Protein backbone atom coordinates (compact mmCIF):
# COMPACT_ATOMS: atom_id res chain seq x y z
CA MET A 1 -0.05 -0.05 -0.36
CA VAL A 2 1.55 3.41 -0.81
CA MET A 3 2.13 5.95 2.05
CA ARG A 4 0.53 9.42 1.78
CA SER A 5 2.57 12.62 2.79
CA PHE A 6 0.92 16.06 3.31
CA VAL A 7 3.55 16.99 0.60
CA ASP A 8 2.26 16.36 -3.07
CA VAL A 9 4.52 13.74 -4.51
CA ASP A 10 3.83 12.76 -8.01
CA PRO A 11 3.61 8.79 -8.66
CA ASP A 12 6.84 9.27 -10.87
CA SER A 13 9.03 11.18 -8.31
CA HIS A 14 11.79 9.47 -7.59
CA PHE A 15 11.26 10.50 -3.49
CA PRO A 16 8.14 9.26 -2.40
CA LEU A 17 7.74 9.03 1.37
CA GLU A 18 8.78 5.16 0.94
CA ASN A 19 12.42 6.52 0.00
CA LEU A 20 13.35 9.82 2.14
CA PRO A 21 17.21 10.11 1.18
CA PHE A 22 19.65 11.81 2.84
CA GLY A 23 21.76 15.16 1.23
CA VAL A 24 23.22 18.23 2.25
CA PHE A 25 22.06 21.34 0.70
CA LYS A 26 22.41 25.16 0.86
CA PRO A 27 19.50 27.64 0.14
CA ALA A 28 19.93 30.24 -2.22
CA ASP A 29 20.26 32.73 0.37
CA ASP A 30 22.83 31.16 2.99
CA LYS A 31 26.24 30.04 3.30
CA GLU A 32 26.07 27.43 4.88
CA GLY A 33 25.15 23.70 4.34
CA ARG A 34 23.08 21.57 6.21
CA PRO A 35 21.72 18.22 5.93
CA GLY A 36 18.22 17.38 4.31
CA VAL A 37 15.95 14.83 3.26
CA ALA A 38 13.89 14.96 0.00
CA ILE A 39 10.46 14.50 -0.23
CA GLY A 40 8.55 14.76 -3.47
CA ASN A 41 9.96 18.46 -5.09
CA PHE A 42 10.85 19.22 -1.70
CA VAL A 43 13.83 19.14 0.73
CA LEU A 44 13.01 18.65 4.51
CA ASP A 45 15.51 20.92 6.60
CA LEU A 46 16.46 18.32 9.51
CA SER A 47 18.57 21.63 11.27
CA GLU A 48 14.87 22.80 11.62
CA ILE A 49 13.61 19.95 12.30
CA ALA A 50 15.97 19.59 15.36
CA ALA A 51 16.04 23.03 16.63
CA ALA A 52 12.05 22.56 17.07
CA GLY A 53 12.91 19.01 19.32
CA LEU A 54 11.21 17.03 17.16
CA PHE A 55 13.84 14.35 16.98
CA SER A 56 12.78 12.88 20.43
CA GLY A 57 13.69 9.07 20.65
CA PRO A 58 15.73 7.40 22.92
CA ILE A 59 19.28 7.96 20.66
CA LEU A 60 18.53 11.69 18.79
CA SER A 61 17.12 13.02 21.41
CA GLY A 62 20.33 14.20 23.16
CA ASN A 63 22.36 14.00 19.96
CA SER A 64 20.40 15.89 17.15
CA GLN A 65 23.24 18.15 16.89
CA CYS A 66 24.83 15.74 13.87
CA PHE A 67 22.11 17.81 11.77
CA PHE A 68 23.83 20.81 12.37
CA GLN A 69 27.12 19.77 10.54
CA PRO A 70 27.90 20.74 6.82
CA SER A 71 28.17 17.00 5.99
CA LEU A 72 26.41 13.86 6.79
CA ASN A 73 29.45 12.10 8.49
CA MET A 74 28.22 12.81 12.46
CA PHE A 75 25.33 11.26 11.90
CA LEU A 76 27.10 8.15 9.71
CA ALA A 77 29.14 7.47 12.66
CA MET A 78 26.08 6.77 14.84
CA GLY A 79 25.29 3.94 13.21
CA ARG A 80 22.39 1.82 12.11
CA PRO A 81 20.06 2.33 15.28
CA ALA A 82 20.35 6.21 14.93
CA TRP A 83 19.62 6.26 11.27
CA LYS A 84 16.64 4.06 11.46
CA GLU A 85 15.15 5.93 14.08
CA ALA A 86 16.04 9.15 12.21
CA ARG A 87 14.03 7.53 9.18
CA MET A 88 10.91 6.36 11.56
CA THR A 89 10.72 10.08 12.63
CA ILE A 90 11.19 11.87 9.78
CA GLN A 91 8.60 9.52 8.04
CA LYS A 92 6.33 9.90 10.84
CA LEU A 93 6.40 13.99 10.37
CA LEU A 94 6.17 13.78 6.67
CA SER A 95 2.90 11.77 7.20
CA ALA A 96 -0.33 12.95 6.01
CA ASP A 97 -2.14 11.75 8.82
CA GLU A 98 0.14 13.65 11.14
CA PRO A 99 -0.50 17.18 12.32
CA THR A 100 2.75 18.52 14.18
CA LEU A 101 4.31 19.82 10.65
CA ARG A 102 1.62 19.57 8.83
CA ASP A 103 -0.14 22.07 10.39
CA ASP A 104 2.55 24.26 11.88
CA GLN A 105 2.47 26.93 9.34
CA ILE A 106 5.99 28.56 10.49
CA LEU A 107 7.65 25.62 10.75
CA ARG A 108 6.79 24.15 7.51
CA LYS A 109 7.74 27.38 6.18
CA LYS A 110 11.18 27.08 7.89
CA SER A 111 11.92 23.56 6.87
CA LEU A 112 10.62 22.89 3.30
CA PHE A 113 12.10 24.51 0.58
CA PRO A 114 11.71 23.52 -3.18
CA MET A 115 14.33 21.76 -4.69
CA ASP A 116 14.47 24.26 -7.27
CA GLN A 117 15.56 26.67 -4.85
CA VAL A 118 18.21 25.29 -3.32
CA LYS A 119 21.92 23.95 -3.98
CA MET A 120 22.86 20.69 -3.36
CA LEU A 121 26.48 20.04 -1.94
CA LEU A 122 28.79 16.56 -1.42
CA PRO A 123 26.29 15.07 1.20
CA VAL A 124 29.48 13.68 2.63
CA ARG A 125 33.25 14.36 3.57
CA VAL A 126 35.24 11.59 1.69
CA GLY A 127 38.24 10.77 3.34
CA ASP A 128 38.95 7.61 1.24
CA TYR A 129 37.51 6.39 -1.91
CA THR A 130 37.93 2.89 -3.67
CA ASP A 131 36.93 1.81 -7.05
CA PHE A 132 35.87 -1.89 -7.33
CA PHE A 133 35.54 -4.02 -10.66
CA CYS A 134 32.68 -6.33 -9.85
CA SER A 135 31.01 -6.51 -13.03
CA MET A 136 31.52 -9.84 -14.64
CA TYR A 137 30.10 -8.52 -18.13
CA HIS A 138 32.02 -5.20 -18.04
CA ALA A 139 35.33 -7.33 -16.89
CA ARG A 140 34.63 -9.90 -19.67
CA ASN A 141 34.15 -7.30 -22.36
CA CYS A 142 37.03 -5.00 -21.33
CA GLY A 143 39.12 -8.08 -21.46
CA THR A 144 38.08 -9.32 -24.70
CA ILE A 145 38.79 -6.04 -26.22
CA PHE A 146 42.79 -5.85 -24.86
CA ARG A 147 43.33 -9.35 -24.26
CA GLY A 148 41.29 -11.12 -26.79
CA PRO A 149 38.27 -13.85 -25.55
CA GLU A 150 40.98 -16.48 -24.47
CA HIS A 151 42.15 -14.51 -21.71
CA ALA A 152 39.30 -12.13 -20.95
CA ILE A 153 39.16 -12.30 -17.21
CA PRO A 154 42.01 -13.08 -15.06
CA PRO A 155 41.92 -16.18 -12.76
CA ASN A 156 41.69 -13.79 -9.29
CA TRP A 157 38.87 -12.09 -10.22
CA PHE A 158 36.79 -15.07 -9.47
CA HIS A 159 37.91 -15.53 -6.02
CA LEU A 160 37.65 -11.81 -4.82
CA PRO A 161 36.69 -8.63 -5.69
CA ILE A 162 39.26 -6.67 -7.43
CA ALA A 163 39.49 -2.96 -6.91
CA TYR A 164 41.87 0.05 -7.26
CA HIS A 165 42.67 2.95 -4.90
CA GLY A 166 41.19 6.30 -6.32
CA ARG A 167 41.21 10.48 -5.47
CA ALA A 168 39.43 11.54 -2.82
CA SER A 169 39.59 15.14 -3.96
CA SER A 170 38.49 15.26 -7.04
CA ILE A 171 34.99 13.74 -6.11
CA VAL A 172 32.27 16.32 -7.36
CA ILE A 173 28.67 16.72 -6.98
CA SER A 174 26.40 16.28 -9.87
CA GLY A 175 26.08 18.81 -12.50
CA THR A 176 29.93 19.72 -12.28
CA ASP A 177 31.65 20.34 -15.03
CA ILE A 178 34.39 18.12 -16.12
CA ILE A 179 37.54 19.20 -17.66
CA ARG A 180 39.09 17.19 -20.48
CA PRO A 181 42.46 15.77 -18.78
CA ARG A 182 46.10 15.87 -20.65
CA GLY A 183 48.10 12.97 -20.42
CA GLN A 184 50.53 10.96 -22.17
CA THR A 185 48.86 7.62 -24.37
CA HIS A 186 50.43 5.00 -26.35
CA PRO A 187 53.40 5.56 -28.75
CA VAL A 188 52.95 5.04 -32.53
CA GLY A 189 55.70 3.24 -33.79
CA ASP A 190 58.88 4.83 -32.78
CA SER A 191 57.67 8.05 -32.22
CA HIS A 192 57.29 9.30 -28.27
CA PRO A 193 54.42 9.24 -26.35
CA TYR A 194 51.39 11.40 -27.51
CA PHE A 195 51.02 14.23 -24.93
CA GLY A 196 47.63 16.21 -25.48
CA PRO A 197 44.15 16.15 -24.58
CA SER A 198 42.80 12.65 -24.03
CA LYS A 199 40.93 11.63 -27.22
CA LYS A 200 39.17 8.64 -25.30
CA MET A 201 37.21 10.28 -22.63
CA ASP A 202 34.54 7.96 -21.35
CA PHE A 203 31.63 7.61 -18.96
CA GLU A 204 31.30 4.92 -16.33
CA LEU A 205 28.00 3.39 -14.89
CA GLU A 206 28.60 3.02 -11.55
CA MET A 207 27.15 3.02 -8.07
CA ALA A 208 28.61 3.40 -4.94
CA SER A 209 27.98 2.70 -1.07
CA ILE A 210 28.83 5.11 1.70
CA VAL A 211 30.44 3.44 4.51
CA GLY A 212 28.44 4.35 7.59
CA THR A 213 30.35 2.83 10.77
CA GLY A 214 34.02 2.31 10.09
CA ASN A 215 36.27 -0.25 11.44
CA ALA A 216 39.37 0.05 13.66
CA LEU A 217 43.02 -0.39 12.34
CA GLY A 218 44.02 -3.94 12.55
CA THR A 219 40.58 -5.27 12.63
CA SER A 220 38.28 -6.54 9.93
CA VAL A 221 34.46 -6.44 8.99
CA ASN A 222 32.84 -9.71 8.89
CA VAL A 223 30.86 -10.09 5.78
CA ASN A 224 27.50 -11.21 7.94
CA GLU A 225 28.11 -8.06 9.38
CA ALA A 226 28.87 -5.79 6.76
CA TYR A 227 25.18 -4.46 6.05
CA ASP A 228 25.44 -2.67 9.52
CA HIS A 229 28.46 -0.75 8.11
CA ILE A 230 26.71 0.59 4.59
CA PHE A 231 24.58 3.95 5.36
CA GLY A 232 22.97 3.69 1.76
CA PHE A 233 23.89 4.26 -2.17
CA VAL A 234 24.48 6.92 -4.57
CA LEU A 235 24.63 7.21 -8.40
CA MET A 236 28.34 7.36 -9.49
CA ASN A 237 30.28 8.53 -12.86
CA ASP A 238 33.86 7.37 -12.77
CA TRP A 239 35.03 9.70 -15.73
CA SER A 240 37.84 7.76 -17.51
CA ALA A 241 40.41 8.82 -20.32
CA ARG A 242 40.74 5.16 -22.13
CA ASP A 243 44.02 6.32 -23.80
CA ILE A 244 45.61 7.70 -21.01
CA GLN A 245 44.86 4.81 -18.88
CA ALA A 246 45.58 2.18 -21.32
CA TRP A 247 49.21 3.63 -21.45
CA GLU A 248 49.78 4.52 -17.53
CA TYR A 249 47.88 1.54 -16.15
CA GLN A 250 50.45 -1.43 -16.30
CA PRO A 251 52.00 -2.50 -13.91
CA LEU A 252 50.24 -0.73 -10.89
CA GLY A 253 46.99 0.42 -12.44
CA PRO A 254 44.73 3.47 -12.95
CA PHE A 255 46.31 6.87 -12.01
CA LEU A 256 45.78 10.10 -14.51
CA GLY A 257 43.08 8.17 -16.44
CA LYS A 258 40.87 8.18 -13.62
CA SER A 259 41.97 11.07 -11.05
CA PHE A 260 40.60 14.09 -12.87
CA GLY A 261 37.21 13.78 -11.96
CA THR A 262 34.36 11.54 -10.33
CA THR A 263 30.75 12.45 -10.14
CA ILE A 264 28.11 11.33 -7.73
CA SER A 265 24.41 12.21 -7.24
CA PRO A 266 23.65 14.20 -4.54
CA TRP A 267 21.08 12.22 -2.40
CA ILE A 268 22.16 9.05 -0.60
CA VAL A 269 19.68 6.23 -0.73
CA THR A 270 19.72 4.19 2.45
CA LEU A 271 19.79 0.33 2.60
CA GLU A 272 16.00 0.81 4.39
CA ALA A 273 14.51 2.14 1.45
CA LEU A 274 16.14 -0.34 -0.85
CA GLU A 275 15.27 -3.22 1.29
CA PRO A 276 12.10 -4.37 -0.06
CA PHE A 277 13.75 -4.29 -3.77
CA ALA A 278 16.70 -6.95 -2.79
CA CYS A 279 17.06 -9.77 -5.14
CA ASP A 280 19.47 -12.81 -5.41
CA CYS A 281 23.05 -12.56 -6.68
CA PRO A 282 24.60 -14.05 -9.60
CA LYS A 283 25.74 -17.89 -8.64
CA GLN A 284 29.23 -16.97 -7.65
CA ASN A 285 31.72 -20.06 -8.82
CA PRO A 286 33.75 -21.32 -7.81
CA PRO A 287 32.31 -20.68 -4.02
CA PRO A 288 33.96 -17.77 -2.26
CA LEU A 289 36.54 -18.20 0.68
CA PRO A 290 34.67 -18.40 3.74
CA TYR A 291 35.49 -14.91 4.77
CA LEU A 292 33.38 -14.00 1.61
CA THR A 293 31.10 -16.19 2.42
CA GLU A 294 27.35 -14.58 2.87
CA SER A 295 24.34 -16.31 4.29
CA ARG A 296 22.29 -14.87 1.90
CA SER A 297 24.39 -12.88 -0.79
CA LYS A 298 21.92 -10.06 -2.44
CA ASN A 299 21.54 -7.48 -4.68
CA TYR A 300 18.99 -4.67 -5.11
CA ASP A 301 16.91 -4.48 -8.18
CA ILE A 302 17.73 -1.15 -9.26
CA LYS A 303 17.04 0.21 -13.03
CA LEU A 304 19.83 2.31 -14.50
CA GLU A 305 20.02 4.43 -17.40
CA VAL A 306 22.61 6.89 -19.23
CA ARG A 307 21.51 9.86 -21.29
CA LEU A 308 23.80 11.46 -23.77
CA LYS A 309 23.25 15.03 -24.95
CA PRO A 310 25.49 16.85 -27.26
CA ALA A 311 26.38 20.75 -26.89
CA GLY A 312 23.75 23.09 -28.46
CA GLU A 313 21.21 20.17 -28.23
CA THR A 314 17.90 19.61 -26.07
CA GLN A 315 17.13 16.17 -27.39
CA GLU A 316 18.73 13.48 -25.26
CA SER A 317 19.68 9.84 -26.36
CA VAL A 318 19.41 7.00 -24.08
CA VAL A 319 22.48 4.78 -24.47
CA THR A 320 22.58 2.48 -21.89
CA ARG A 321 19.94 0.76 -19.57
CA SER A 322 21.48 -1.48 -17.08
CA ASN A 323 20.73 -3.36 -13.46
CA PHE A 324 22.47 -3.03 -10.42
CA CYS A 325 21.63 -6.53 -9.97
CA ASN A 326 23.93 -7.51 -12.76
CA LEU A 327 26.87 -7.36 -10.14
CA TYR A 328 28.93 -10.52 -9.23
CA TRP A 329 30.04 -9.38 -6.19
CA THR A 330 28.12 -7.74 -3.47
CA ALA A 331 28.60 -4.66 -1.49
CA THR A 332 28.89 -6.10 1.36
CA GLN A 333 31.23 -9.15 -0.07
CA GLN A 334 33.28 -5.23 -1.19
CA LEU A 335 33.41 -4.10 2.28
CA ALA A 336 34.47 -7.28 4.03
CA HIS A 337 37.20 -7.59 1.56
CA HIS A 338 38.25 -3.99 1.75
CA THR A 339 38.94 -4.54 5.23
CA ILE A 340 39.99 -8.28 5.70
CA ASN A 341 43.95 -7.12 6.11
CA GLY A 342 43.20 -4.77 8.90
CA CYS A 343 42.24 -1.63 6.64
CA ASN A 344 40.31 0.78 8.67
CA LEU A 345 36.94 2.24 6.81
CA ASN A 346 35.66 5.75 8.26
CA PRO A 347 32.52 6.98 7.81
CA GLY A 348 31.80 8.83 5.08
CA ASP A 349 34.36 6.76 2.63
CA LEU A 350 33.05 6.00 -0.95
CA LEU A 351 32.91 2.44 -2.35
CA GLY A 352 32.38 2.52 -6.10
CA THR A 353 30.96 -0.77 -7.55
CA GLY A 354 32.80 -0.59 -11.05
CA THR A 355 31.03 0.02 -14.28
CA ILE A 356 27.67 -1.94 -14.35
CA SER A 357 27.37 -3.32 -17.36
CA GLY A 358 24.78 -6.14 -18.70
CA PRO A 359 24.63 -9.31 -20.78
CA ASP A 360 22.98 -7.06 -23.42
CA PRO A 361 24.37 -4.70 -25.84
CA GLU A 362 21.88 -2.05 -24.76
CA SER A 363 23.00 -2.77 -21.07
CA LEU A 364 26.68 -2.04 -21.54
CA GLY A 365 28.08 0.53 -18.79
CA CYS A 366 30.27 2.73 -20.91
CA MET A 367 31.78 3.93 -24.25
CA LEU A 368 34.21 1.56 -24.34
CA GLU A 369 31.99 -1.36 -24.27
CA LEU A 370 29.15 0.35 -26.39
CA THR A 371 31.64 1.13 -29.39
CA TRP A 372 33.81 -1.40 -29.02
CA ASN A 373 37.14 0.91 -28.35
CA GLY A 374 35.87 3.05 -30.93
CA GLN A 375 35.58 0.55 -33.71
CA LYS A 376 31.64 0.80 -33.91
CA PRO A 377 30.50 4.24 -32.98
CA LEU A 378 27.06 5.05 -31.94
CA THR A 379 24.44 6.67 -33.31
CA LEU A 380 22.65 9.62 -31.32
CA GLN A 381 18.88 10.39 -31.64
CA ASN A 382 20.16 13.75 -33.91
CA GLY A 383 22.17 11.54 -35.98
CA SER A 384 25.50 12.65 -34.86
CA THR A 385 27.92 9.57 -33.87
CA ARG A 386 30.11 9.11 -31.31
CA SER A 387 33.30 6.55 -30.74
CA PHE A 388 34.05 8.55 -27.37
CA LEU A 389 32.58 11.48 -25.61
CA GLU A 390 33.23 14.93 -27.15
CA ASP A 391 34.09 18.66 -25.53
CA GLY A 392 30.04 19.65 -24.64
CA ASP A 393 28.78 16.51 -24.19
CA GLU A 394 26.64 16.31 -20.97
CA VAL A 395 25.83 12.60 -19.28
CA THR A 396 23.35 12.15 -17.06
CA LEU A 397 22.87 8.73 -14.68
CA THR A 398 19.63 8.11 -13.51
CA GLY A 399 18.28 4.87 -11.54
CA TYR A 400 15.16 3.77 -9.48
CA CYS A 401 13.62 0.99 -8.08
CA GLN A 402 9.64 0.44 -9.01
CA GLY A 403 7.35 -0.42 -6.44
CA GLU A 404 3.61 -0.78 -6.30
CA GLY A 405 2.31 2.80 -7.38
CA TYR A 406 5.61 4.14 -6.25
CA ARG A 407 9.52 4.50 -7.17
CA VAL A 408 12.31 4.99 -4.69
CA GLY A 409 15.12 6.34 -6.80
CA PHE A 410 18.37 8.64 -6.97
CA GLY A 411 17.59 11.69 -9.26
CA GLU A 412 20.22 11.97 -11.51
CA CYS A 413 24.04 12.03 -11.56
CA SER A 414 25.22 14.60 -14.36
CA GLY A 415 28.38 16.19 -15.61
CA ARG A 416 29.34 17.95 -19.02
CA ILE A 417 32.55 17.82 -20.58
CA LEU A 418 34.78 21.04 -21.65
CA PRO A 419 37.67 21.53 -23.54
CA ALA A 420 40.94 20.68 -22.40
CA PRO A 421 43.40 23.83 -20.89
CA LYS A 422 45.57 25.12 -23.52
């Protein structure tokens, strides 16, 4: 049964009462960011709700200072009992039959902001960022392109979630322009390596889990307890310069081909909101080692889409439709593996899934796969073609779970490519 809020929520909205994702926003006339929750086309200011004393549960009644911070990190560090209490309180306050906020016109005016009148900020202070490589279809396609079908996926891939350590300083919020990077690429014949703007700019359709409570240095998180260390998910575009990446990645992996920009969506959808859409993950063969063996391995049925809009155009082309359920390694396995050597995770850390490709041609999660490294250009709605991204191209990722009469969504994760510096 669809839940009802006193705030009008369109049936196609990503932000009904069943969702209530957390973010950080700034009203147009204010200098400071503060935590908020999305409901329909509005943002609920949690600092005003806290100031009114409406977080009255046993955990948050004396700890509501977490909602007066410029990031969600303090709130995340409090753990799942606090997250659930906050969510239940907010859900009740926004319900159609609850008068506390509904009938208080002064508080409503102070605490509910139209989304088009606020600026969204990074929801967390990201101390560390790790990007995994957890889609079997993506791994197989990339391996086939560069090594041939006989050696497409390395043997270790089926035993552990492979990852690289990314650059936290260049994580940006949706809507931020991305400047085309410069770097070295493969030499041709006996010439020196090419240096200049990347000629193979790419998007990567990903999601990322946001670490809630971390673990102490020298300890590890049990895979069957990892769920309680994940606050929720965001959409993520791990922009890639494929030519720079191909020249530099051996033997130590991605560096300048990745570190120039990573875009995330502003709203963190909690695991509680996603739980009704849990689904089984693909069968893992061979069975994972005991420290990665879960009592139940699950993904989520999140429908994902990528749209591309050329410079000066109003029409977008849908270039990818995929699903989070295509991941081979689960988010909880990723987190458990990350900590098995004693590595400490902290609240706000970002763990990317890697490109989420599916089994069908229209479900491939990046231009590298969609165009087979530029050999089969895409034709867009306006008749133009793309082997890789051109200056002025805008890429938008979206994702949602479909319930009966409602959607639990993530909004949008977008960015536009600007020319490289002269």
